[in-house]
Amino acid sequence: MAPGPRPKIDPVGFDHWEILPEHGVYHDPVFLTRDGERRYPGYVTDIITDLALDWLDKRDPDKPFALLIQHKAPHQAFEPAERHQHLYEHQDIPVPATLYDDYSNRSRAAAEAEMRMPELQAHDLKAPVPPGLSEREEREWRYQRYIKEYLRVIVGLDENVARVLHYLDITDTSDDTAVAYTSDHGFYLGEHGWFDKRFMYEPSLRIPLIVRYPGVVPAGSSRDELVINVDYAQTLLDLDGVEPHPRMQGRSLLPLLRGHVPEDWRQAMYYRYFEHLDVCHNGPGELRHPDPRPQADPLPRSRFGPAGGQRRETRARVGAVRPGA
């Protein structure tokens, strides 16, 4: 790729950025920068954290900052760091209660989606299926291959989140910095026999949102209010006293973080899966209702829905914001 800016696709509004193209790769990744492509040797989760800490080291300590650390991990197919490749090798991970779901009491869409353990590919399993296994035994074998690789990738992510928190602590930056850990969606880890996401059941709909903000958020506290990811941008702006654009959706989470629940806080949300019958998983588009019972209303059958066939990423996201005075 030729060096220089790409005005139609480059991130805007950032003083500095380095991003992965598409999903990126786990080992020796290429990053896109203002000056073109740059390859770094090593493991992608470590490298992203190295770049973030290097930027923190070089910033003006007298100015507020917003740093978005957006990881590739744990995007499938999972590739752990070399130091974690043999974790959990001699133990079995407990299986979810619904691993053997036969979908007999669920919608047709749930049974037709191609995201069950038998649909895991060779690059997911990284070993041939042992001969002579029963159907149940093979499903369990596939689950163990899948979940262990996932957990190995997560351990690398946990280590690097700890590096960021430790840096803030030893540089005396923690007390006036808000840190949030979140993701763009949940993920099935064998529940209902599935991997991936696609359906609005609890494991896929719910995402982590962990906030450390000394003096504002009491350690160990939790909230039950309904929060959605369009609230994040509003919260970042509110932290630094910036008025949002009138077209923006979502609401600042600062009142909730401070222990106050606005009287008009939302009681429902709208969800729609637009990637109808995607070519990789055959997941149908869904129309969702406030009723908490799982349900899916398949759209008319076609290979692509309104948003086309673009696959979305699964990435862990860590954000550190030091508000202005």
Protein backbone atom coordinates (compact mmCIF):
# COMPACT_ATOMS: atom_id res chain seq x y z
CA MET A 1 0.00 0.00 0.00
CA ALA A 2 1.34 3.41 -0.90
CA PRO A 3 2.17 5.67 2.05
CA GLY A 4 0.08 8.69 2.83
CA PRO A 5 -3.45 9.42 4.03
CA ARG A 6 -6.58 7.71 2.70
CA PRO A 7 -9.19 10.41 3.38
CA LYS A 8 -12.25 8.24 2.74
CA ILE A 9 -11.33 5.46 5.16
CA ASP A 10 -8.79 6.82 7.67
CA PRO A 11 -9.91 7.49 11.25
CA VAL A 12 -10.69 11.16 11.82
CA GLY A 13 -10.49 13.33 14.92
CA PHE A 14 -7.55 11.48 16.49
CA ASP A 15 -4.14 12.97 17.21
CA HIS A 16 -2.58 9.54 16.67
CA TRP A 17 -3.85 6.19 15.47
CA GLU A 18 -2.65 2.75 14.39
CA ILE A 19 -5.29 0.23 13.37
CA LEU A 20 -5.54 -3.32 12.05
CA PRO A 21 -6.84 -3.84 8.52
CA GLU A 22 -10.11 -5.80 8.62
CA HIS A 23 -9.79 -8.32 11.48
CA GLY A 24 -5.99 -8.29 11.41
CA VAL A 25 -3.91 -11.34 12.35
CA TYR A 26 -2.70 -12.61 15.71
CA HIS A 27 0.99 -13.01 14.91
CA ASP A 28 3.35 -10.43 13.34
CA PRO A 29 0.43 -8.15 12.43
CA VAL A 30 0.39 -5.30 9.92
CA PHE A 31 -1.07 -2.00 11.13
CA LEU A 32 -2.35 0.90 9.06
CA THR A 33 -0.94 4.29 10.04
CA ARG A 34 -0.99 7.83 8.67
CA ASP A 35 2.20 6.96 6.79
CA GLY A 36 1.10 3.63 5.33
CA GLU A 37 1.51 0.04 6.53
CA ARG A 38 3.76 -0.99 9.39
CA ARG A 39 4.45 -4.56 10.52
CA TYR A 40 5.34 -5.38 14.11
CA PRO A 41 6.88 -8.72 15.17
CA GLY A 42 5.16 -10.53 18.01
CA TYR A 43 1.69 -11.24 19.36
CA VAL A 44 -1.05 -8.79 18.49
CA THR A 45 -2.52 -8.33 22.00
CA ASP A 46 0.93 -7.56 23.42
CA ILE A 47 1.72 -5.21 20.53
CA ILE A 48 -1.50 -3.20 20.83
CA THR A 49 -0.81 -2.71 24.53
CA ASP A 50 2.83 -1.79 23.86
CA LEU A 51 1.67 0.89 21.42
CA ALA A 52 -0.85 2.23 23.92
CA LEU A 53 1.65 2.44 26.78
CA ASP A 54 4.23 4.03 24.51
CA TRP A 55 1.70 6.72 23.59
CA LEU A 56 0.92 7.30 27.27
CA ASP A 57 4.63 7.71 27.98
CA LYS A 58 4.97 10.40 25.31
CA ARG A 59 1.78 12.39 25.92
CA ASP A 60 1.71 15.82 27.54
CA PRO A 61 1.00 15.00 31.22
CA ASP A 62 -0.67 18.38 31.76
CA LYS A 63 -3.42 17.75 29.21
CA PRO A 64 -6.51 15.51 29.45
CA PHE A 65 -6.56 12.50 27.15
CA ALA A 66 -8.84 9.85 25.68
CA LEU A 67 -7.16 6.58 24.68
CA LEU A 68 -9.06 3.77 22.92
CA ILE A 69 -7.30 0.39 23.05
CA GLN A 70 -9.22 -1.84 20.66
CA HIS A 71 -8.02 -5.42 20.58
CA LYS A 72 -8.38 -8.07 17.92
CA ALA A 73 -8.75 -10.72 20.64
CA PRO A 74 -10.79 -12.77 21.07
CA HIS A 75 -11.86 -12.84 17.43
CA GLN A 76 -12.29 -16.30 15.92
CA ALA A 77 -10.29 -18.31 14.81
CA PHE A 78 -8.44 -18.09 18.10
CA GLU A 79 -4.64 -18.10 18.15
CA PRO A 80 -3.09 -17.83 21.60
CA ALA A 81 0.34 -16.43 22.37
CA GLU A 82 3.12 -19.01 22.38
CA ARG A 83 3.41 -18.75 26.17
CA HIS A 84 -0.22 -19.85 26.55
CA GLN A 85 -0.45 -22.61 23.95
CA HIS A 86 -0.50 -25.43 26.51
CA LEU A 87 -2.76 -23.90 29.15
CA TYR A 88 -5.60 -26.22 30.23
CA GLU A 89 -4.04 -29.05 28.23
CA HIS A 90 -4.59 -31.67 30.92
CA GLN A 91 -7.98 -30.61 32.23
CA ASP A 92 -11.53 -30.61 30.93
CA ILE A 93 -13.55 -27.40 30.95
CA PRO A 94 -17.12 -27.90 32.29
CA VAL A 95 -19.68 -27.95 29.49
CA PRO A 96 -22.71 -25.62 29.50
CA ALA A 97 -26.02 -27.21 30.45
CA THR A 98 -27.45 -26.47 26.98
CA LEU A 99 -24.53 -27.87 24.94
CA TYR A 100 -26.78 -30.75 23.80
CA ASP A 101 -29.76 -28.54 22.88
CA ASP A 102 -31.81 -30.25 20.13
CA TYR A 103 -33.85 -27.06 19.39
CA SER A 104 -37.10 -29.02 19.64
CA ASN A 105 -38.74 -26.25 21.67
CA ARG A 106 -37.13 -23.39 19.75
CA SER A 107 -37.81 -21.62 16.48
CA ARG A 108 -36.88 -23.10 13.10
CA ALA A 109 -34.27 -20.36 12.76
CA ALA A 110 -32.34 -21.69 15.78
CA ALA A 111 -32.15 -25.16 14.28
CA GLU A 112 -31.07 -23.91 10.84
CA ALA A 113 -28.26 -21.60 11.91
CA GLU A 114 -24.85 -23.01 10.98
CA MET A 115 -22.98 -22.19 14.16
CA ARG A 116 -23.08 -25.47 16.06
CA MET A 117 -20.12 -27.52 17.25
CA PRO A 118 -20.21 -29.76 14.13
CA GLU A 119 -19.79 -26.60 11.99
CA LEU A 120 -16.45 -25.69 13.58
CA GLN A 121 -13.79 -25.72 10.88
CA ALA A 122 -10.29 -27.23 10.76
CA HIS A 123 -8.72 -23.85 11.58
CA ASP A 124 -10.85 -23.75 14.74
CA LEU A 125 -10.08 -27.29 15.90
CA LYS A 126 -6.40 -27.43 14.84
CA ALA A 127 -6.49 -31.24 15.03
CA PRO A 128 -8.35 -34.06 13.26
CA VAL A 129 -11.42 -35.47 14.99
CA PRO A 130 -10.45 -38.76 16.68
CA PRO A 131 -12.05 -41.78 14.97
CA GLY A 132 -14.73 -43.87 16.63
CA LEU A 133 -16.42 -41.14 18.68
CA SER A 134 -20.16 -41.15 19.19
CA GLU A 135 -22.08 -38.02 18.19
CA ARG A 136 -22.20 -36.85 21.80
CA GLU A 137 -18.50 -37.60 22.37
CA GLU A 138 -17.52 -35.73 19.22
CA ARG A 139 -19.55 -32.69 20.27
CA GLU A 140 -17.77 -32.69 23.64
CA TRP A 141 -14.37 -33.12 21.98
CA ARG A 142 -15.06 -30.21 19.64
CA TYR A 143 -16.22 -28.08 22.56
CA GLN A 144 -13.01 -28.73 24.50
CA ARG A 145 -10.86 -27.79 21.50
CA TYR A 146 -12.87 -24.62 20.97
CA ILE A 147 -13.19 -23.38 24.56
CA LYS A 148 -9.56 -23.99 25.49
CA GLU A 149 -8.25 -21.96 22.56
CA TYR A 150 -10.69 -19.19 23.47
CA LEU A 151 -9.60 -19.16 27.11
CA ARG A 152 -5.93 -19.11 26.14
CA VAL A 153 -6.52 -16.01 24.05
CA ILE A 154 -8.48 -14.44 26.93
CA VAL A 155 -5.60 -15.01 29.36
CA GLY A 156 -3.35 -12.96 27.08
CA LEU A 157 -6.00 -10.25 27.01
CA ASP A 158 -6.33 -10.27 30.81
CA GLU A 159 -2.57 -9.91 31.20
CA ASN A 160 -2.53 -6.86 28.97
CA VAL A 161 -5.49 -5.17 30.63
CA ALA A 162 -3.55 -5.59 33.87
CA ARG A 163 -0.53 -3.92 32.25
CA VAL A 164 -2.60 -0.83 31.44
CA LEU A 165 -4.06 -0.61 34.95
CA HIS A 166 -0.61 -1.10 36.48
CA TYR A 167 0.82 1.68 34.32
CA LEU A 168 -1.88 4.08 35.48
CA ASP A 169 -1.18 3.11 39.10
CA ILE A 170 2.60 3.54 39.02
CA THR A 171 2.37 6.87 37.18
CA ASP A 172 -0.12 8.26 39.73
CA THR A 173 -2.73 8.65 36.98
CA SER A 174 -5.37 6.26 38.32
CA ASP A 175 -7.18 8.62 40.69
CA ASP A 176 -8.34 11.01 37.95
CA THR A 177 -8.72 8.55 35.06
CA ALA A 178 -11.90 6.66 34.12
CA VAL A 179 -11.21 3.22 32.63
CA ALA A 180 -13.89 1.12 30.92
CA TYR A 181 -13.65 -2.47 29.67
CA THR A 182 -16.29 -3.56 27.17
CA SER A 183 -16.92 -5.25 23.82
CA ASP A 184 -19.16 -4.90 20.78
CA HIS A 185 -21.26 -8.02 21.49
CA GLY A 186 -21.38 -11.20 23.49
CA PHE A 187 -20.40 -14.65 22.27
CA TYR A 188 -21.63 -18.21 22.56
CA LEU A 189 -19.22 -20.52 24.34
CA GLY A 190 -21.13 -23.73 23.75
CA GLU A 191 -24.50 -22.52 25.05
CA HIS A 192 -27.25 -24.14 22.94
CA GLY A 193 -24.43 -26.01 21.20
CA TRP A 194 -23.33 -22.81 19.48
CA PHE A 195 -20.28 -20.71 18.82
CA ASP A 196 -20.37 -17.15 17.37
CA LYS A 197 -23.25 -14.69 18.15
CA ARG A 198 -26.22 -14.14 15.69
CA PHE A 199 -29.13 -14.70 18.15
CA MET A 200 -30.45 -12.41 20.87
CA TYR A 201 -30.18 -14.92 23.68
CA GLU A 202 -28.47 -13.81 26.89
CA PRO A 203 -24.90 -15.02 26.11
CA SER A 204 -24.83 -13.03 22.87
CA LEU A 205 -26.83 -9.97 23.89
CA ARG A 206 -25.10 -9.23 27.18
CA ILE A 207 -21.64 -7.66 27.00
CA PRO A 208 -19.15 -6.75 29.72
CA LEU A 209 -19.07 -3.17 30.94
CA ILE A 210 -16.61 -2.79 33.81
CA VAL A 211 -15.68 0.70 34.93
CA ARG A 212 -12.92 1.86 37.27
CA TYR A 213 -13.27 5.51 38.24
CA PRO A 214 -11.89 6.26 41.73
CA GLY A 215 -13.97 8.70 43.72
CA VAL A 216 -16.97 8.25 41.44
CA VAL A 217 -17.68 4.51 41.07
CA PRO A 218 -17.49 2.54 44.36
CA ALA A 219 -15.36 -0.57 43.99
CA GLY A 220 -17.47 -3.73 43.73
CA SER A 221 -20.70 -1.88 42.97
CA SER A 222 -23.05 -2.87 40.14
CA ARG A 223 -26.06 -1.44 38.31
CA ASP A 224 -29.18 -3.10 36.90
CA GLU A 225 -30.29 -0.35 34.51
CA LEU A 226 -30.51 -1.07 30.80
CA VAL A 227 -27.42 0.26 29.00
CA ILE A 228 -26.66 0.02 25.27
CA ASN A 229 -23.48 0.64 23.33
CA VAL A 230 -24.64 3.93 21.78
CA ASP A 231 -24.34 5.33 25.32
CA TYR A 232 -20.54 5.06 25.26
CA ALA A 233 -19.80 8.02 22.99
CA GLN A 234 -22.21 10.20 24.96
CA THR A 235 -20.43 9.22 28.17
CA LEU A 236 -16.98 10.05 26.79
CA LEU A 237 -18.18 13.49 25.73
CA ASP A 238 -19.85 14.08 29.08
CA LEU A 239 -16.66 13.13 30.93
CA ASP A 240 -14.84 15.98 29.26
CA GLY A 241 -17.68 18.49 29.22
CA VAL A 242 -18.26 18.39 25.45
CA GLU A 243 -21.77 18.88 24.07
CA PRO A 244 -22.89 15.97 21.84
CA HIS A 245 -24.04 16.48 18.28
CA PRO A 246 -27.86 16.75 18.20
CA ARG A 247 -28.11 13.75 15.86
CA MET A 248 -26.32 11.43 18.26
CA GLN A 249 -28.29 8.65 19.94
CA GLY A 250 -27.70 7.25 23.41
CA ARG A 251 -27.33 8.86 26.81
CA SER A 252 -24.42 9.56 29.11
CA LEU A 253 -23.87 6.91 31.77
CA LEU A 254 -22.33 9.37 34.23
CA PRO A 255 -25.54 9.70 36.30
CA LEU A 256 -25.65 5.92 36.73
CA LEU A 257 -21.94 5.77 37.56
CA ARG A 258 -22.54 8.41 40.23
CA GLY A 259 -25.40 6.40 41.71
CA HIS A 260 -28.30 8.46 40.33
CA VAL A 261 -31.00 6.96 38.10
CA PRO A 262 -32.83 9.53 35.95
CA GLU A 263 -36.62 9.12 36.17
CA ASP A 264 -36.89 8.77 32.40
CA TRP A 265 -34.15 6.13 32.01
CA ARG A 266 -34.98 3.59 29.31
CA GLN A 267 -36.99 0.48 30.10
CA ALA A 268 -36.66 -1.18 26.70
CA MET A 269 -34.38 -1.35 23.68
CA TYR A 270 -34.71 -2.20 19.99
CA TYR A 271 -32.48 -4.85 18.46
CA ARG A 272 -32.32 -6.01 14.86
CA TYR A 273 -29.87 -8.44 13.29
CA PHE A 274 -29.38 -7.14 9.76
CA GLU A 275 -26.98 -9.73 8.35
CA HIS A 276 -29.81 -11.97 7.17
CA LEU A 277 -28.74 -15.54 6.26
CA ASP A 278 -25.07 -14.62 6.13
CA VAL A 279 -22.98 -16.95 4.01
CA CYS A 280 -20.88 -18.17 6.96
CA HIS A 281 -23.55 -18.98 9.56
CA ASN A 282 -26.99 -18.87 7.87
CA GLY A 283 -28.25 -16.69 10.72
CA PRO A 284 -31.66 -15.11 10.03
CA GLY A 285 -32.48 -11.47 10.59
CA GLU A 286 -34.51 -10.97 13.75
CA LEU A 287 -37.24 -8.62 14.88
CA ARG A 288 -37.02 -8.20 18.63
CA HIS A 289 -39.67 -7.23 21.14
CA PRO A 290 -39.65 -6.22 24.83
CA ASP A 291 -40.88 -9.71 25.75
CA PRO A 292 -37.79 -11.35 27.39
CA ARG A 293 -38.64 -14.81 26.11
CA PRO A 294 -36.32 -15.94 23.27
CA GLN A 295 -38.01 -15.51 19.92
CA ALA A 296 -37.00 -15.00 16.33
CA ASP A 297 -39.13 -13.94 13.39
CA PRO A 298 -37.24 -14.95 10.22
CA LEU A 299 -37.32 -12.49 7.36
CA PRO A 300 -38.13 -13.61 3.80
CA ARG A 301 -35.38 -15.93 2.68
CA SER A 302 -32.58 -14.27 0.72
CA ARG A 303 -28.84 -14.56 0.95
CA PHE A 304 -28.27 -10.99 2.05
CA GLY A 305 -30.26 -8.66 4.26
CA PRO A 306 -30.43 -4.86 4.21
CA ALA A 307 -26.84 -4.47 5.41
CA GLY A 308 -25.35 -6.95 2.92
CA GLY A 309 -22.91 -9.70 3.87
CA GLN A 310 -20.26 -7.81 5.81
CA ARG A 311 -19.11 -9.78 8.85
CA ARG A 312 -18.70 -7.94 12.13
CA GLU A 313 -15.72 -8.26 14.41
CA THR A 314 -15.52 -9.37 18.01
CA ARG A 315 -12.97 -7.35 19.89
CA ALA A 316 -12.28 -6.50 23.49
CA ARG A 317 -12.12 -2.76 24.05
CA VAL A 318 -10.41 -0.86 26.81
CA GLY A 319 -10.89 2.88 27.09
CA ALA A 320 -9.02 5.23 29.40
CA VAL A 321 -10.25 8.80 29.74
CA ARG A 322 -8.67 11.49 31.88
CA PRO A 323 -11.19 14.35 31.97
CA GLY A 324 -10.16 17.97 31.83
CA ALA A 325 -10.01 20.12 34.92
